[in-house]
Amino acid sequence: MSKMRRKEQIYMSTAKMLKAISDPKRLRIVDMLSCGELCACEILEEFHITQPTLSHDMRVLVEAGLVIDRREGKNIYYKLDKEALDRMLQTLGRVFEDKPDCICHKWKR
């Protein structure tokens, strides 16, 4: 895979993560999960929403790669994917810094 194609994939996955946490409720869920794994029922207790609404929000977070889910009997448990979060933060750090191969250098004279 070319270096440019790899960068585009990184931009796409990072944007998907940022979009997922741009919703205040989902950002709060991520904050709750920062303390450890929680059952969906525990998360639901903190919000005035229906179970289908929570399921949608959790699916967005899982599909973005920020959260890992697992089923235990009738319960679904969620936890942060700390490695994915670290990669996202590292990517953002690189995006916001000046570097030799930065796209901005194409326009500098």
N, C-alpha and C. Protein backbone atom coordinates (compact mmCIF):
# COMPACT_ATOMS: atom_id res chain seq x y z
N MET A 1 0.85 -1.18 0.00
CA MET A 1 0.00 0.00 0.00
C MET A 1 0.89 1.24 0.00
N SER A 2 0.51 2.21 -0.80
CA SER A 2 1.31 3.42 -0.90
C SER A 2 1.22 4.23 0.40
N LYS A 3 2.25 5.04 0.61
CA LYS A 3 2.30 5.88 1.81
C LYS A 3 1.11 6.86 1.83
N MET A 4 0.77 7.40 0.67
CA MET A 4 -0.34 8.36 0.59
C MET A 4 -1.67 7.66 0.89
N ARG A 5 -1.86 6.47 0.38
CA ARG A 5 -3.10 5.73 0.63
C ARG A 5 -3.21 5.38 2.12
N ARG A 6 -2.10 5.02 2.74
CA ARG A 6 -2.08 4.71 4.18
C ARG A 6 -2.47 5.95 4.98
N LYS A 7 -1.93 7.11 4.60
CA LYS A 7 -2.27 8.35 5.30
C LYS A 7 -3.76 8.64 5.18
N GLU A 8 -4.31 8.44 3.98
CA GLU A 8 -5.74 8.69 3.78
C GLU A 8 -6.58 7.77 4.66
N GLN A 9 -6.17 6.51 4.80
CA GLN A 9 -6.90 5.58 5.66
C GLN A 9 -6.83 6.04 7.12
N ILE A 10 -5.68 6.53 7.54
CA ILE A 10 -5.52 7.03 8.91
C ILE A 10 -6.41 8.25 9.11
N TYR A 11 -6.46 9.15 8.14
CA TYR A 11 -7.34 10.32 8.24
C TYR A 11 -8.80 9.88 8.35
N MET A 12 -9.19 8.91 7.54
CA MET A 12 -10.58 8.44 7.55
C MET A 12 -10.96 7.82 8.89
N SER A 13 -10.12 6.94 9.42
CA SER A 13 -10.45 6.29 10.68
C SER A 13 -10.43 7.28 11.84
N THR A 14 -9.51 8.23 11.82
CA THR A 14 -9.46 9.25 12.86
C THR A 14 -10.70 10.14 12.79
N ALA A 15 -11.09 10.54 11.59
CA ALA A 15 -12.30 11.36 11.43
C ALA A 15 -13.53 10.61 11.92
N LYS A 16 -13.59 9.31 11.67
CA LYS A 16 -14.73 8.51 12.13
C LYS A 16 -14.79 8.49 13.66
N MET A 17 -13.64 8.37 14.30
CA MET A 17 -13.59 8.40 15.76
C MET A 17 -14.02 9.76 16.29
N LEU A 18 -13.50 10.82 15.68
CA LEU A 18 -13.85 12.16 16.13
C LEU A 18 -15.34 12.44 15.93
N LYS A 19 -15.88 11.98 14.83
CA LYS A 19 -17.31 12.16 14.58
C LYS A 19 -18.13 11.42 15.64
N ALA A 20 -17.68 10.22 16.01
CA ALA A 20 -18.41 9.43 17.01
C ALA A 20 -18.44 10.14 18.36
N ILE A 21 -17.35 10.79 18.73
CA ILE A 21 -17.32 11.45 20.04
C ILE A 21 -17.72 12.92 19.97
N SER A 22 -18.12 13.39 18.78
CA SER A 22 -18.58 14.78 18.68
C SER A 22 -19.97 14.96 19.28
N ASP A 23 -20.67 13.86 19.51
CA ASP A 23 -21.97 13.91 20.18
C ASP A 23 -21.73 13.96 21.69
N PRO A 24 -22.29 14.95 22.40
CA PRO A 24 -22.03 15.08 23.84
C PRO A 24 -22.38 13.82 24.65
N LYS A 25 -23.44 13.14 24.29
CA LYS A 25 -23.82 11.94 25.03
C LYS A 25 -22.79 10.84 24.85
N ARG A 26 -22.32 10.65 23.62
CA ARG A 26 -21.31 9.62 23.38
C ARG A 26 -19.98 9.99 24.03
N LEU A 27 -19.66 11.27 24.05
CA LEU A 27 -18.44 11.70 24.75
C LEU A 27 -18.56 11.41 26.24
N ARG A 28 -19.72 11.63 26.79
CA ARG A 28 -19.94 11.30 28.21
C ARG A 28 -19.82 9.80 28.45
N ILE A 29 -20.31 8.99 27.52
CA ILE A 29 -20.18 7.53 27.65
C ILE A 29 -18.71 7.14 27.65
N VAL A 30 -17.93 7.74 26.75
CA VAL A 30 -16.49 7.45 26.72
C VAL A 30 -15.86 7.84 28.05
N ASP A 31 -16.27 8.97 28.59
CA ASP A 31 -15.77 9.40 29.90
C ASP A 31 -16.12 8.36 30.97
N MET A 32 -17.35 7.87 30.96
CA MET A 32 -17.77 6.85 31.93
C MET A 32 -16.92 5.58 31.79
N LEU A 33 -16.64 5.20 30.56
CA LEU A 33 -15.88 3.97 30.32
C LEU A 33 -14.39 4.14 30.64
N SER A 34 -13.95 5.37 30.83
CA SER A 34 -12.54 5.58 31.16
C SER A 34 -12.19 4.97 32.52
N CYS A 35 -13.20 4.73 33.33
CA CYS A 35 -12.99 4.11 34.65
C CYS A 35 -12.99 2.59 34.59
N GLY A 36 -13.38 2.03 33.46
CA GLY A 36 -13.40 0.58 33.31
C GLY A 36 -14.66 0.09 32.61
N GLU A 37 -14.75 -1.21 32.48
CA GLU A 37 -15.86 -1.85 31.78
C GLU A 37 -17.19 -1.62 32.51
N LEU A 38 -18.24 -1.38 31.72
CA LEU A 38 -19.58 -1.20 32.28
C LEU A 38 -20.59 -2.00 31.47
N CYS A 39 -21.62 -2.45 32.19
CA CYS A 39 -22.76 -3.12 31.56
C CYS A 39 -23.62 -2.03 30.90
N ALA A 40 -24.28 -2.39 29.81
CA ALA A 40 -25.17 -1.44 29.15
C ALA A 40 -26.21 -0.91 30.12
N CYS A 41 -26.68 -1.77 31.02
CA CYS A 41 -27.69 -1.33 32.00
C CYS A 41 -27.15 -0.25 32.92
N GLU A 42 -25.86 -0.31 33.26
CA GLU A 42 -25.25 0.72 34.10
C GLU A 42 -25.14 2.05 33.35
N ILE A 43 -24.82 1.98 32.08
CA ILE A 43 -24.72 3.18 31.27
C ILE A 43 -26.10 3.80 31.10
N LEU A 44 -27.08 2.95 30.85
CA LEU A 44 -28.45 3.41 30.63
C LEU A 44 -29.01 4.16 31.83
N GLU A 45 -28.61 3.75 33.03
CA GLU A 45 -29.08 4.41 34.26
C GLU A 45 -28.70 5.88 34.33
N GLU A 46 -27.64 6.26 33.64
CA GLU A 46 -27.14 7.64 33.70
C GLU A 46 -27.83 8.58 32.71
N PHE A 47 -28.66 8.05 31.84
CA PHE A 47 -29.28 8.86 30.79
C PHE A 47 -30.80 8.68 30.81
N HIS A 48 -31.48 9.67 30.29
CA HIS A 48 -32.93 9.59 30.14
C HIS A 48 -33.24 9.26 28.68
N ILE A 49 -32.81 8.06 28.28
CA ILE A 49 -33.00 7.61 26.90
C ILE A 49 -33.50 6.18 26.93
N THR A 50 -33.97 5.72 25.78
CA THR A 50 -34.44 4.34 25.66
C THR A 50 -33.27 3.40 25.38
N GLN A 51 -33.49 2.14 25.58
CA GLN A 51 -32.46 1.13 25.30
C GLN A 51 -32.08 1.13 23.82
N PRO A 52 -33.03 1.25 22.88
CA PRO A 52 -32.63 1.31 21.46
C PRO A 52 -31.75 2.51 21.13
N THR A 53 -32.00 3.63 21.78
CA THR A 53 -31.15 4.82 21.56
C THR A 53 -29.74 4.56 22.06
N LEU A 54 -29.63 3.94 23.24
CA LEU A 54 -28.30 3.61 23.76
C LEU A 54 -27.61 2.61 22.83
N SER A 55 -28.35 1.63 22.35
CA SER A 55 -27.76 0.64 21.44
C SER A 55 -27.19 1.31 20.20
N HIS A 56 -27.92 2.29 19.67
CA HIS A 56 -27.43 3.02 18.49
C HIS A 56 -26.11 3.75 18.82
N ASP A 57 -26.11 4.48 19.94
CA ASP A 57 -24.90 5.21 20.33
C ASP A 57 -23.73 4.27 20.55
N MET A 58 -23.98 3.13 21.17
CA MET A 58 -22.89 2.18 21.43
C MET A 58 -22.39 1.58 20.11
N ARG A 59 -23.30 1.32 19.18
CA ARG A 59 -22.90 0.78 17.89
C ARG A 59 -21.99 1.78 17.16
N VAL A 60 -22.32 3.07 17.25
CA VAL A 60 -21.49 4.10 16.63
C VAL A 60 -20.08 4.07 17.23
N LEU A 61 -19.99 3.98 18.54
CA LEU A 61 -18.69 3.95 19.22
C LEU A 61 -17.90 2.68 18.90
N VAL A 62 -18.60 1.55 18.82
CA VAL A 62 -17.94 0.28 18.48
C VAL A 62 -17.45 0.32 17.03
N GLU A 63 -18.30 0.76 16.11
CA GLU A 63 -17.92 0.81 14.70
C GLU A 63 -16.79 1.80 14.43
N ALA A 64 -16.71 2.83 15.26
CA ALA A 64 -15.61 3.80 15.13
C ALA A 64 -14.30 3.24 15.67
N GLY A 65 -14.39 2.13 16.40
CA GLY A 65 -13.19 1.51 16.94
C GLY A 65 -12.77 2.01 18.30
N LEU A 66 -13.63 2.79 18.94
CA LEU A 66 -13.29 3.36 20.25
C LEU A 66 -13.67 2.44 21.40
N VAL A 67 -14.66 1.60 21.20
CA VAL A 67 -15.22 0.78 22.27
C VAL A 67 -15.27 -0.67 21.82
N ILE A 68 -15.02 -1.56 22.76
CA ILE A 68 -15.10 -3.01 22.53
C ILE A 68 -16.30 -3.51 23.32
N ASP A 69 -17.09 -4.36 22.67
CA ASP A 69 -18.25 -4.92 23.36
C ASP A 69 -18.11 -6.43 23.50
N ARG A 70 -18.78 -6.95 24.52
CA ARG A 70 -18.82 -8.40 24.71
C ARG A 70 -20.15 -8.76 25.37
N ARG A 71 -20.66 -9.91 25.01
CA ARG A 71 -21.93 -10.38 25.56
C ARG A 71 -21.65 -11.43 26.62
N GLU A 72 -22.36 -11.31 27.72
CA GLU A 72 -22.30 -12.31 28.79
C GLU A 72 -23.74 -12.59 29.19
N GLY A 73 -24.26 -13.71 28.73
CA GLY A 73 -25.66 -14.01 28.95
C GLY A 73 -26.53 -13.00 28.23
N LYS A 74 -27.43 -12.37 28.96
CA LYS A 74 -28.31 -11.35 28.35
C LYS A 74 -27.70 -9.96 28.40
N ASN A 75 -26.59 -9.81 29.08
CA ASN A 75 -25.97 -8.49 29.26
C ASN A 75 -24.87 -8.24 28.24
N ILE A 76 -24.75 -6.98 27.85
CA ILE A 76 -23.65 -6.56 26.99
C ILE A 76 -22.77 -5.62 27.80
N TYR A 77 -21.48 -5.88 27.76
CA TYR A 77 -20.50 -5.08 28.49
C TYR A 77 -19.65 -4.31 27.49
N TYR A 78 -19.28 -3.09 27.88
CA TYR A 78 -18.49 -2.22 27.02
C TYR A 78 -17.25 -1.74 27.76
N LYS A 79 -16.17 -1.61 27.00
CA LYS A 79 -14.95 -1.02 27.54
C LYS A 79 -14.25 -0.26 26.43
N LEU A 80 -13.44 0.71 26.84
CA LEU A 80 -12.68 1.49 25.87
C LEU A 80 -11.60 0.64 25.24
N ASP A 81 -11.34 0.88 23.97
CA ASP A 81 -10.19 0.30 23.31
C ASP A 81 -9.06 1.31 23.48
N LYS A 82 -8.32 1.14 24.56
CA LYS A 82 -7.28 2.12 24.93
C LYS A 82 -6.21 2.26 23.85
N GLU A 83 -5.88 1.16 23.16
CA GLU A 83 -4.88 1.23 22.10
C GLU A 83 -5.37 2.10 20.95
N ALA A 84 -6.65 1.96 20.60
CA ALA A 84 -7.23 2.78 19.53
C ALA A 84 -7.24 4.25 19.93
N LEU A 85 -7.58 4.52 21.18
CA LEU A 85 -7.57 5.90 21.66
C LEU A 85 -6.16 6.48 21.62
N ASP A 86 -5.17 5.70 22.04
CA ASP A 86 -3.79 6.17 21.99
C ASP A 86 -3.36 6.47 20.55
N ARG A 87 -3.73 5.59 19.61
CA ARG A 87 -3.39 5.83 18.21
C ARG A 87 -4.05 7.11 17.69
N MET A 88 -5.31 7.33 18.07
CA MET A 88 -6.01 8.53 17.64
C MET A 88 -5.31 9.78 18.19
N LEU A 89 -4.93 9.76 19.46
CA LEU A 89 -4.25 10.91 20.06
C LEU A 89 -2.89 11.14 19.42
N GLN A 90 -2.17 10.08 19.11
CA GLN A 90 -0.88 10.22 18.43
C GLN A 90 -1.06 10.81 17.04
N THR A 91 -2.08 10.34 16.34
CA THR A 91 -2.36 10.86 15.00
C THR A 91 -2.68 12.34 15.06
N LEU A 92 -3.52 12.73 16.01
CA LEU A 92 -3.86 14.15 16.15
C LEU A 92 -2.62 14.98 16.48
N GLY A 93 -1.75 14.43 17.31
CA GLY A 93 -0.50 15.13 17.62
C GLY A 93 0.33 15.37 16.37
N ARG A 94 0.39 14.37 15.49
CA ARG A 94 1.15 14.51 14.25
C ARG A 94 0.47 15.48 13.28
N VAL A 95 -0.86 15.47 13.26
CA VAL A 95 -1.59 16.37 12.37
C VAL A 95 -1.33 17.83 12.75
N PHE A 96 -1.23 18.12 14.04
CA PHE A 96 -1.11 19.50 14.50
C PHE A 96 0.33 19.99 14.61
N GLU A 97 1.29 19.19 14.19
CA GLU A 97 2.68 19.64 14.27
C GLU A 97 3.26 19.83 12.87
N ASP A 98 4.22 20.69 12.77
CA ASP A 98 4.93 20.91 11.51
C ASP A 98 5.93 19.78 11.35
N LYS A 99 5.98 19.20 10.17
CA LYS A 99 6.90 18.10 9.88
C LYS A 99 7.40 18.24 8.45
N PRO A 100 8.53 17.64 8.13
CA PRO A 100 9.13 17.81 6.80
C PRO A 100 8.19 17.44 5.65
N ASP A 101 7.38 16.39 5.82
CA ASP A 101 6.52 15.95 4.72
C ASP A 101 5.10 16.50 4.83
N CYS A 102 4.94 17.55 5.60
CA CYS A 102 3.61 18.15 5.81
C CYS A 102 3.09 18.74 4.50
N ILE A 103 1.82 18.58 4.27
CA ILE A 103 1.19 19.08 3.05
C ILE A 103 1.32 20.61 2.93
N CYS A 104 1.42 21.29 4.07
CA CYS A 104 1.51 22.76 4.04
C CYS A 104 2.78 23.23 3.34
N HIS A 105 3.81 22.40 3.28
CA HIS A 105 5.07 22.81 2.65
C HIS A 105 4.93 22.91 1.14
N LYS A 106 3.91 22.34 0.57
CA LYS A 106 3.68 22.45 -0.88
C LYS A 106 3.41 23.89 -1.28
N TRP A 107 2.81 24.66 -0.37
CA TRP A 107 2.41 26.02 -0.69
C TRP A 107 3.38 27.07 -0.15
N LYS A 108 4.31 26.68 0.70
CA LYS A 108 5.29 27.63 1.22
C LYS A 108 6.35 27.90 0.17
N ARG A 109 6.80 29.10 0.15
CA ARG A 109 7.82 29.46 -0.84
C ARG A 109 9.08 29.89 -0.14
